[in-house]
Amino acid sequence: IPRSAVVSVVGGGKGFLSIISSALVGSIVGGPVSSVYPLGAILLKKGATVAVAAVFMNAWIMVGIISMPFEISIFGKRFVLVRNIFAFVGAIVIGMLTGLILTGSII
């Protein structure tokens, strides 16, 4: 992944927009949970902040946009929407707290 691509999506001094971008990208990409850890490391190496990488990783794990149709068929639309909204917000809060604790910055 080129550094410029990472910075354009989740970095480059965009402040809170970087947090939202990483949460959105993490929410819509799919794949095995174990693949998010190397991706998080790549984001950090390519210039993303700790908070941005943590938000991305948490959103990937917690939010289930790709699995929503299947999840709705089991739990119903209301449950799935509420769960995903809380998961999205939670991913942002947890990621920002991770950045704050590890680096002193929430962004």
C-alpha atoms as a PDB file:
ATOM      1  CA  ILE A   1       0.000   0.000   0.000  1.00  0.00           C
ATOM      2  CA  PRO A   2       1.584   3.304  -0.987  1.00  0.00           C
ATOM      3  CA  ARG A   3       2.055   5.797   1.847  1.00  0.00           C
ATOM      4  CA  SER A   4       0.166   8.402  -0.184  1.00  0.00           C
ATOM      5  CA  ALA A   5      -2.894   6.133  -0.400  1.00  0.00           C
ATOM      6  CA  VAL A   6      -2.918   5.560   3.352  1.00  0.00           C
ATOM      7  CA  VAL A   7      -2.454   9.247   4.100  1.00  0.00           C
ATOM      8  CA  SER A   8      -5.172  10.254   1.631  1.00  0.00           C
ATOM      9  CA  VAL A   9      -7.745   7.971   3.267  1.00  0.00           C
ATOM     10  CA  VAL A  10      -6.876   7.926   6.967  1.00  0.00           C
ATOM     11  CA  GLY A  11      -4.122  10.410   7.642  1.00  0.00           C
ATOM     12  CA  GLY A  12      -2.404  13.524   6.533  1.00  0.00           C
ATOM     13  CA  GLY A  13      -3.484  15.899   9.267  1.00  0.00           C
ATOM     14  CA  LYS A  14      -7.207  15.641   8.585  1.00  0.00           C
ATOM     15  CA  GLY A  15      -7.975  15.503  12.304  1.00  0.00           C
ATOM     16  CA  PHE A  16     -11.327  14.023  13.220  1.00  0.00           C
ATOM     17  CA  LEU A  17     -12.063  13.381   9.530  1.00  0.00           C
ATOM     18  CA  SER A  18      -9.260  10.781   9.627  1.00  0.00           C
ATOM     19  CA  ILE A  19     -11.023   9.045  12.510  1.00  0.00           C
ATOM     20  CA  ILE A  20     -14.360   8.974  10.669  1.00  0.00           C
ATOM     21  CA  SER A  21     -12.710   7.815   7.423  1.00  0.00           C
ATOM     22  CA  SER A  22     -10.936   4.948   9.144  1.00  0.00           C
ATOM     23  CA  ALA A  23     -14.158   3.927  10.909  1.00  0.00           C
ATOM     24  CA  LEU A  24     -16.081   3.918   7.621  1.00  0.00           C
ATOM     25  CA  VAL A  25     -13.398   1.973   5.763  1.00  0.00           C
ATOM     26  CA  GLY A  26     -13.026  -0.505   8.621  1.00  0.00           C
ATOM     27  CA  SER A  27     -16.797  -0.981   8.712  1.00  0.00           C
ATOM     28  CA  ILE A  28     -17.214  -1.880   5.055  1.00  0.00           C
ATOM     29  CA  VAL A  29     -14.174  -4.022   4.332  1.00  0.00           C
ATOM     30  CA  GLY A  30     -14.475  -7.706   4.965  1.00  0.00           C
ATOM     31  CA  GLY A  31     -12.260 -10.619   5.651  1.00  0.00           C
ATOM     32  CA  PRO A  32     -11.030 -12.814   8.435  1.00  0.00           C
ATOM     33  CA  VAL A  33     -10.498 -11.050  11.741  1.00  0.00           C
ATOM     34  CA  SER A  34      -6.898 -12.253  11.874  1.00  0.00           C
ATOM     35  CA  SER A  35      -6.061 -10.225   8.750  1.00  0.00           C
ATOM     36  CA  VAL A  36      -6.820  -6.913  10.476  1.00  0.00           C
ATOM     37  CA  TYR A  37      -3.718  -7.041  12.682  1.00  0.00           C
ATOM     38  CA  PRO A  38      -1.149  -6.971   9.870  1.00  0.00           C
ATOM     39  CA  LEU A  39      -3.225  -4.252   8.181  1.00  0.00           C
ATOM     40  CA  GLY A  40      -3.165  -2.186  11.369  1.00  0.00           C
ATOM     41  CA  ALA A  41       0.616  -2.546  11.501  1.00  0.00           C
ATOM     42  CA  ILE A  42       0.880  -1.450   7.861  1.00  0.00           C
ATOM     43  CA  LEU A  43      -1.269   1.609   8.569  1.00  0.00           C
ATOM     44  CA  LEU A  44       1.043   2.598  11.427  1.00  0.00           C
ATOM     45  CA  LYS A  45       4.175   2.066   9.316  1.00  0.00           C
ATOM     46  CA  LYS A  46       2.665   4.154   6.513  1.00  0.00           C
ATOM     47  CA  GLY A  47       1.932   7.145   8.732  1.00  0.00           C
ATOM     48  CA  ALA A  48      -1.492   6.627  10.292  1.00  0.00           C
ATOM     49  CA  THR A  49      -1.788   7.652  13.933  1.00  0.00           C
ATOM     50  CA  VAL A  50      -2.342   5.097  16.686  1.00  0.00           C
ATOM     51  CA  ALA A  51      -5.912   6.352  17.140  1.00  0.00           C
ATOM     52  CA  VAL A  52      -6.698   6.044  13.427  1.00  0.00           C
ATOM     53  CA  ALA A  53      -5.251   2.523  13.205  1.00  0.00           C
ATOM     54  CA  ALA A  54      -7.106   1.453  16.357  1.00  0.00           C
ATOM     55  CA  VAL A  55     -10.404   2.878  15.072  1.00  0.00           C
ATOM     56  CA  PHE A  56      -9.932   1.038  11.765  1.00  0.00           C
ATOM     57  CA  MET A  57      -9.166  -2.250  13.508  1.00  0.00           C
ATOM     58  CA  ASN A  58     -12.050  -1.944  15.970  1.00  0.00           C
ATOM     59  CA  ALA A  59     -14.534  -1.006  13.245  1.00  0.00           C
ATOM     60  CA  TRP A  60     -13.408  -3.992  11.146  1.00  0.00           C
ATOM     61  CA  ILE A  61     -13.981  -6.341  14.084  1.00  0.00           C
ATOM     62  CA  MET A  62     -17.109  -4.789  15.641  1.00  0.00           C
ATOM     63  CA  VAL A  63     -19.219  -3.463  12.754  1.00  0.00           C
ATOM     64  CA  GLY A  64     -20.876  -5.925  10.395  1.00  0.00           C
ATOM     65  CA  ILE A  65     -21.978  -4.062   7.267  1.00  0.00           C
ATOM     66  CA  ILE A  66     -21.185  -6.972   4.957  1.00  0.00           C
ATOM     67  CA  SER A  67     -22.952  -9.492   7.182  1.00  0.00           C
ATOM     68  CA  MET A  68     -26.023  -7.289   7.790  1.00  0.00           C
ATOM     69  CA  PRO A  69     -28.404  -9.185   5.471  1.00  0.00           C
ATOM     70  CA  PHE A  70     -27.593 -12.490   7.159  1.00  0.00           C
ATOM     71  CA  GLU A  71     -27.677 -10.940  10.620  1.00  0.00           C
ATOM     72  CA  ILE A  72     -31.053  -9.282   9.903  1.00  0.00           C
ATOM     73  CA  SER A  73     -32.518 -12.629   8.832  1.00  0.00           C
ATOM     74  CA  ILE A  74     -31.639 -14.021  12.260  1.00  0.00           C
ATOM     75  CA  PHE A  75     -32.076 -11.084  14.655  1.00  0.00           C
ATOM     76  CA  GLY A  76     -34.300  -8.626  12.812  1.00  0.00           C
ATOM     77  CA  LYS A  77     -33.614  -5.187  11.352  1.00  0.00           C
ATOM     78  CA  ARG A  78     -34.015  -3.111  14.518  1.00  0.00           C
ATOM     79  CA  PHE A  79     -31.587  -5.198  16.570  1.00  0.00           C
ATOM     80  CA  VAL A  80     -28.973  -5.227  13.819  1.00  0.00           C
ATOM     81  CA  LEU A  81     -29.194  -1.486  13.157  1.00  0.00           C
ATOM     82  CA  VAL A  82     -28.935  -0.610  16.846  1.00  0.00           C
ATOM     83  CA  ARG A  83     -26.053  -3.039  17.367  1.00  0.00           C
ATOM     84  CA  ASN A  84     -24.129  -1.678  14.396  1.00  0.00           C
ATOM     85  CA  ILE A  85     -24.682   1.957  15.374  1.00  0.00           C
ATOM     86  CA  PHE A  86     -23.352   1.273  18.868  1.00  0.00           C
ATOM     87  CA  ALA A  87     -20.490  -0.787  17.439  1.00  0.00           C
ATOM     88  CA  PHE A  88     -19.540   2.051  15.060  1.00  0.00           C
ATOM     89  CA  VAL A  89     -19.577   4.665  17.816  1.00  0.00           C
ATOM     90  CA  GLY A  90     -17.822   2.254  20.175  1.00  0.00           C
ATOM     91  CA  ALA A  91     -15.053   1.603  17.644  1.00  0.00           C
ATOM     92  CA  ILE A  92     -14.422   5.350  17.429  1.00  0.00           C
ATOM     93  CA  VAL A  93     -14.427   5.864  21.198  1.00  0.00           C
ATOM     94  CA  ILE A  94     -12.183   2.861  21.876  1.00  0.00           C
ATOM     95  CA  GLY A  95      -9.749   3.848  19.129  1.00  0.00           C
ATOM     96  CA  MET A  96      -9.514   7.432  20.349  1.00  0.00           C
ATOM     97  CA  LEU A  97      -8.976   6.271  23.933  1.00  0.00           C
ATOM     98  CA  THR A  98      -6.261   3.899  22.717  1.00  0.00           C
ATOM     99  CA  GLY A  99      -4.524   6.799  21.006  1.00  0.00           C
ATOM    100  CA  LEU A 100      -4.894   8.973  24.092  1.00  0.00           C
ATOM    101  CA  ILE A 101      -3.447   6.347  26.426  1.00  0.00           C
ATOM    102  CA  LEU A 102      -0.570   5.313  24.164  1.00  0.00           C
ATOM    103  CA  THR A 103       0.416   8.633  22.600  1.00  0.00           C
ATOM    104  CA  GLY A 104      -1.427  11.399  24.428  1.00  0.00           C
ATOM    105  CA  SER A 105      -3.469  12.257  21.321  1.00  0.00           C
ATOM    106  CA  ILE A 106      -7.047  11.309  20.458  1.00  0.00           C
ATOM    107  CA  ILE A 107      -6.424  11.883  16.755  1.00  0.00           C
END
